[in-house]
Amino acid sequence: MIRVMLPAHLRTLARIEGEVKLHVDGPVTIGSILEALETAYPMLRGTIRDHSTHKRRPFVRFFVCEEDWSHLPTETPLPDAVVCGKEPFLIVGAMAGG
């Protein structure tokens, strides 16, 4: 099972407490995790990535094993630590300002 941590506002929208555990078919990538997440929680469609282009929304970041993977292609395979559930896949709402 893949462990996914969402920001508080998306957990509230999806009525989720704590982390999400997802089964992902095929290769585990950012894209396949987002597909599984949006399938399990349709109310999240369009909140993390654009409806039509599937590009990451501004101010949303993806972290894998404490590294920012936000700008990597969505088809990049994730490390074994995420695939086996040892480490979570984090979706983080970025902050802006000065």
N, C-alpha and C. Protein backbone atom coordinates (compact mmCIF):
# COMPACT_ATOMS: atom_id res chain seq x y z
N MET A 1 0.83 -1.19 0.00
CA MET A 1 0.00 0.00 0.00
C MET A 1 0.88 1.25 0.00
N ILE A 2 0.47 2.22 -0.76
CA ILE A 2 1.16 3.50 -0.83
C ILE A 2 0.54 4.42 0.22
N ARG A 3 1.39 5.06 1.00
CA ARG A 3 0.92 6.02 2.02
C ARG A 3 1.02 7.42 1.44
N VAL A 4 -0.08 8.17 1.54
CA VAL A 4 -0.12 9.53 1.01
C VAL A 4 -0.54 10.48 2.13
N MET A 5 0.23 11.54 2.29
CA MET A 5 -0.10 12.59 3.26
C MET A 5 -0.60 13.80 2.47
N LEU A 6 -1.76 14.30 2.86
CA LEU A 6 -2.37 15.45 2.21
C LEU A 6 -2.37 16.65 3.14
N PRO A 7 -2.39 17.87 2.57
CA PRO A 7 -2.54 19.04 3.43
C PRO A 7 -3.93 19.06 4.09
N ALA A 8 -4.03 19.76 5.17
CA ALA A 8 -5.26 19.77 5.98
C ALA A 8 -6.50 20.15 5.17
N HIS A 9 -6.39 21.16 4.31
CA HIS A 9 -7.59 21.59 3.58
C HIS A 9 -8.09 20.52 2.62
N LEU A 10 -7.19 19.71 2.05
CA LEU A 10 -7.64 18.63 1.16
C LEU A 10 -8.17 17.44 1.96
N ARG A 11 -7.61 17.20 3.14
CA ARG A 11 -8.17 16.16 4.02
C ARG A 11 -9.59 16.53 4.43
N THR A 12 -9.80 17.81 4.74
CA THR A 12 -11.13 18.28 5.12
C THR A 12 -12.11 18.11 3.95
N LEU A 13 -11.69 18.50 2.75
CA LEU A 13 -12.54 18.39 1.57
C LEU A 13 -12.94 16.94 1.31
N ALA A 14 -12.00 16.02 1.47
CA ALA A 14 -12.26 14.60 1.21
C ALA A 14 -12.77 13.85 2.43
N ARG A 15 -12.89 14.55 3.55
CA ARG A 15 -13.33 13.94 4.81
C ARG A 15 -12.43 12.77 5.20
N ILE A 16 -11.13 13.06 5.22
CA ILE A 16 -10.10 12.06 5.55
C ILE A 16 -9.43 12.49 6.85
N GLU A 17 -9.18 11.53 7.72
CA GLU A 17 -8.39 11.80 8.92
C GLU A 17 -7.07 11.05 8.78
N GLY A 18 -5.98 11.74 8.97
CA GLY A 18 -4.67 11.10 8.89
C GLY A 18 -4.25 10.87 7.46
N GLU A 19 -3.40 9.87 7.28
CA GLU A 19 -2.88 9.60 5.95
C GLU A 19 -3.81 8.67 5.17
N VAL A 20 -3.64 8.70 3.85
CA VAL A 20 -4.43 7.85 2.96
C VAL A 20 -3.56 6.66 2.57
N LYS A 21 -4.16 5.50 2.49
CA LYS A 21 -3.47 4.31 2.00
C LYS A 21 -4.14 3.89 0.70
N LEU A 22 -3.34 3.79 -0.35
CA LEU A 22 -3.86 3.49 -1.68
C LEU A 22 -3.19 2.26 -2.27
N HIS A 23 -3.95 1.52 -3.05
CA HIS A 23 -3.38 0.46 -3.87
C HIS A 23 -3.19 1.05 -5.26
N VAL A 24 -2.00 0.93 -5.80
CA VAL A 24 -1.69 1.47 -7.13
C VAL A 24 -1.35 0.30 -8.04
N ASP A 25 -2.07 0.19 -9.15
CA ASP A 25 -1.78 -0.85 -10.14
C ASP A 25 -0.66 -0.38 -11.05
N GLY A 26 0.21 -1.29 -11.41
CA GLY A 26 1.30 -0.97 -12.33
C GLY A 26 2.42 -0.23 -11.65
N PRO A 27 3.26 0.43 -12.44
CA PRO A 27 4.39 1.16 -11.87
C PRO A 27 3.92 2.28 -10.95
N VAL A 28 4.60 2.46 -9.84
CA VAL A 28 4.24 3.51 -8.89
C VAL A 28 5.00 4.78 -9.28
N THR A 29 4.24 5.75 -9.76
CA THR A 29 4.77 7.04 -10.18
C THR A 29 3.92 8.13 -9.55
N ILE A 30 4.35 9.36 -9.68
CA ILE A 30 3.51 10.47 -9.19
C ILE A 30 2.16 10.42 -9.88
N GLY A 31 2.18 10.23 -11.19
CA GLY A 31 0.93 10.18 -11.96
C GLY A 31 0.00 9.06 -11.53
N SER A 32 0.56 7.86 -11.30
CA SER A 32 -0.31 6.74 -10.92
C SER A 32 -0.87 6.92 -9.51
N ILE A 33 -0.10 7.55 -8.63
CA ILE A 33 -0.62 7.85 -7.29
C ILE A 33 -1.75 8.86 -7.38
N LEU A 34 -1.58 9.90 -8.18
CA LEU A 34 -2.64 10.91 -8.32
C LEU A 34 -3.89 10.31 -8.95
N GLU A 35 -3.71 9.43 -9.92
CA GLU A 35 -4.87 8.75 -10.53
C GLU A 35 -5.63 7.94 -9.49
N ALA A 36 -4.90 7.15 -8.69
CA ALA A 36 -5.54 6.33 -7.65
C ALA A 36 -6.22 7.21 -6.60
N LEU A 37 -5.58 8.31 -6.24
CA LEU A 37 -6.14 9.22 -5.24
C LEU A 37 -7.43 9.86 -5.75
N GLU A 38 -7.42 10.33 -7.00
CA GLU A 38 -8.61 10.97 -7.57
C GLU A 38 -9.73 9.96 -7.83
N THR A 39 -9.38 8.72 -8.07
CA THR A 39 -10.40 7.68 -8.24
C THR A 39 -11.06 7.37 -6.91
N ALA A 40 -10.25 7.24 -5.87
CA ALA A 40 -10.78 6.94 -4.53
C ALA A 40 -11.52 8.13 -3.92
N TYR A 41 -11.08 9.34 -4.24
CA TYR A 41 -11.65 10.56 -3.68
C TYR A 41 -11.93 11.55 -4.82
N PRO A 42 -13.04 11.35 -5.56
CA PRO A 42 -13.32 12.18 -6.73
C PRO A 42 -13.44 13.68 -6.42
N MET A 43 -13.76 14.02 -5.19
CA MET A 43 -13.86 15.44 -4.84
C MET A 43 -12.50 16.14 -4.89
N LEU A 44 -11.41 15.39 -4.97
CA LEU A 44 -10.08 15.98 -5.07
C LEU A 44 -9.66 16.28 -6.51
N ARG A 45 -10.46 15.82 -7.49
CA ARG A 45 -10.12 16.10 -8.89
C ARG A 45 -10.06 17.60 -9.12
N GLY A 46 -8.98 18.03 -9.72
CA GLY A 46 -8.81 19.45 -10.02
C GLY A 46 -8.18 20.26 -8.90
N THR A 47 -7.99 19.67 -7.74
CA THR A 47 -7.41 20.42 -6.62
C THR A 47 -5.89 20.31 -6.59
N ILE A 48 -5.36 19.19 -7.05
CA ILE A 48 -3.92 18.95 -7.03
C ILE A 48 -3.31 19.20 -8.40
N ARG A 49 -4.05 18.84 -9.43
CA ARG A 49 -3.60 19.06 -10.80
C ARG A 49 -4.77 19.52 -11.65
N ASP A 50 -4.45 20.19 -12.72
CA ASP A 50 -5.46 20.73 -13.63
C ASP A 50 -6.30 19.61 -14.24
N HIS A 51 -7.61 19.88 -14.41
CA HIS A 51 -8.52 18.88 -14.97
C HIS A 51 -8.09 18.39 -16.35
N SER A 52 -7.75 19.30 -17.23
CA SER A 52 -7.49 18.91 -18.62
C SER A 52 -6.03 18.60 -18.91
N THR A 53 -5.12 19.38 -18.38
CA THR A 53 -3.70 19.17 -18.70
C THR A 53 -3.02 18.18 -17.76
N HIS A 54 -3.60 17.97 -16.60
CA HIS A 54 -3.04 17.11 -15.55
C HIS A 54 -1.70 17.64 -15.02
N LYS A 55 -1.43 18.92 -15.24
CA LYS A 55 -0.22 19.54 -14.68
C LYS A 55 -0.48 19.93 -13.23
N ARG A 56 0.57 19.83 -12.44
CA ARG A 56 0.49 20.20 -11.03
C ARG A 56 0.05 21.64 -10.90
N ARG A 57 -0.86 21.88 -9.96
CA ARG A 57 -1.32 23.24 -9.70
C ARG A 57 -0.20 24.06 -9.04
N PRO A 58 -0.20 25.39 -9.29
CA PRO A 58 0.78 26.23 -8.60
C PRO A 58 0.58 26.11 -7.09
N PHE A 59 1.63 26.22 -6.36
CA PHE A 59 1.62 26.18 -4.89
C PHE A 59 1.32 24.79 -4.33
N VAL A 60 1.40 23.76 -5.17
CA VAL A 60 1.30 22.38 -4.70
C VAL A 60 2.65 21.74 -4.97
N ARG A 61 3.18 21.05 -3.98
CA ARG A 61 4.48 20.41 -4.11
C ARG A 61 4.37 18.94 -3.72
N PHE A 62 5.25 18.12 -4.33
CA PHE A 62 5.31 16.70 -4.04
C PHE A 62 6.66 16.40 -3.41
N PHE A 63 6.65 15.71 -2.27
CA PHE A 63 7.89 15.32 -1.60
C PHE A 63 7.96 13.81 -1.47
N VAL A 64 9.15 13.30 -1.80
CA VAL A 64 9.42 11.87 -1.75
C VAL A 64 10.74 11.68 -1.00
N CYS A 65 10.70 10.95 0.10
CA CYS A 65 11.92 10.69 0.89
C CYS A 65 12.65 12.00 1.20
N GLU A 66 11.90 12.98 1.64
CA GLU A 66 12.41 14.29 2.06
C GLU A 66 13.03 15.11 0.93
N GLU A 67 12.71 14.77 -0.32
CA GLU A 67 13.20 15.53 -1.46
C GLU A 67 12.02 16.05 -2.27
N ASP A 68 12.17 17.26 -2.83
CA ASP A 68 11.14 17.87 -3.65
C ASP A 68 11.15 17.23 -5.04
N TRP A 69 10.08 16.55 -5.38
CA TRP A 69 9.93 15.91 -6.69
C TRP A 69 8.92 16.65 -7.55
N SER A 70 8.57 17.87 -7.19
CA SER A 70 7.51 18.61 -7.85
C SER A 70 7.77 18.86 -9.33
N HIS A 71 9.02 19.01 -9.72
CA HIS A 71 9.34 19.37 -11.10
C HIS A 71 9.79 18.18 -11.95
N LEU A 72 9.77 16.99 -11.37
CA LEU A 72 10.12 15.79 -12.14
C LEU A 72 8.92 15.34 -12.97
N PRO A 73 9.17 14.65 -14.08
CA PRO A 73 8.04 14.12 -14.87
C PRO A 73 7.17 13.19 -14.03
N THR A 74 5.87 13.24 -14.25
CA THR A 74 4.95 12.44 -13.44
C THR A 74 5.11 10.95 -13.66
N GLU A 75 5.81 10.56 -14.73
CA GLU A 75 6.01 9.13 -14.99
C GLU A 75 7.30 8.59 -14.38
N THR A 76 8.00 9.41 -13.61
CA THR A 76 9.23 8.97 -12.94
C THR A 76 8.88 7.93 -11.87
N PRO A 77 9.51 6.73 -11.92
CA PRO A 77 9.22 5.72 -10.89
C PRO A 77 9.67 6.20 -9.51
N LEU A 78 8.86 5.90 -8.52
CA LEU A 78 9.17 6.29 -7.15
C LEU A 78 10.07 5.24 -6.48
N PRO A 79 10.84 5.67 -5.48
CA PRO A 79 11.76 4.75 -4.80
C PRO A 79 11.02 3.62 -4.07
N ASP A 80 11.75 2.55 -3.84
CA ASP A 80 11.18 1.38 -3.16
C ASP A 80 10.61 1.72 -1.78
N ALA A 81 11.22 2.69 -1.09
CA ALA A 81 10.74 3.07 0.25
C ALA A 81 9.29 3.56 0.20
N VAL A 82 8.91 4.21 -0.89
CA VAL A 82 7.52 4.67 -1.05
C VAL A 82 6.65 3.52 -1.52
N VAL A 83 7.16 2.74 -2.46
CA VAL A 83 6.40 1.62 -3.03
C VAL A 83 6.01 0.61 -1.96
N CYS A 84 6.92 0.33 -1.02
CA CYS A 84 6.62 -0.67 0.03
C CYS A 84 5.91 -0.06 1.24
N GLY A 85 5.69 1.26 1.24
CA GLY A 85 4.96 1.90 2.32
C GLY A 85 5.81 2.34 3.50
N LYS A 86 7.12 2.20 3.39
CA LYS A 86 7.99 2.62 4.48
C LYS A 86 7.99 4.14 4.61
N GLU A 87 8.00 4.85 3.47
CA GLU A 87 7.97 6.31 3.44
C GLU A 87 6.69 6.78 2.76
N PRO A 88 6.09 7.88 3.23
CA PRO A 88 4.88 8.39 2.58
C PRO A 88 5.23 9.27 1.38
N PHE A 89 4.26 9.41 0.51
CA PHE A 89 4.30 10.38 -0.59
C PHE A 89 3.57 11.61 -0.05
N LEU A 90 4.26 12.74 0.01
CA LEU A 90 3.67 13.95 0.60
C LEU A 90 3.22 14.92 -0.47
N ILE A 91 1.99 15.38 -0.35
CA ILE A 91 1.47 16.46 -1.16
C ILE A 91 1.35 17.65 -0.22
N VAL A 92 2.06 18.71 -0.56
CA VAL A 92 2.20 19.84 0.36
C VAL A 92 1.71 21.11 -0.33
N GLY A 93 0.98 21.93 0.41
CA GLY A 93 0.59 23.24 -0.07
C GLY A 93 1.73 24.20 0.22
N ALA A 94 2.34 24.74 -0.85
CA ALA A 94 3.49 25.65 -0.69
C ALA A 94 3.01 27.01 -0.19
N MET A 95 3.93 27.74 0.42
CA MET A 95 3.62 29.08 0.91
C MET A 95 4.37 30.09 0.06
N ALA A 96 3.78 31.24 -0.12
CA ALA A 96 4.43 32.31 -0.88
C ALA A 96 4.36 33.59 -0.07
N GLY A 97 5.19 34.49 -0.43
CA GLY A 97 5.18 35.77 0.26
C GLY A 97 6.59 36.18 0.61
N GLY A 98 6.67 37.25 1.34
CA GLY A 98 8.02 37.71 1.62
C GLY A 98 8.20 38.18 3.01
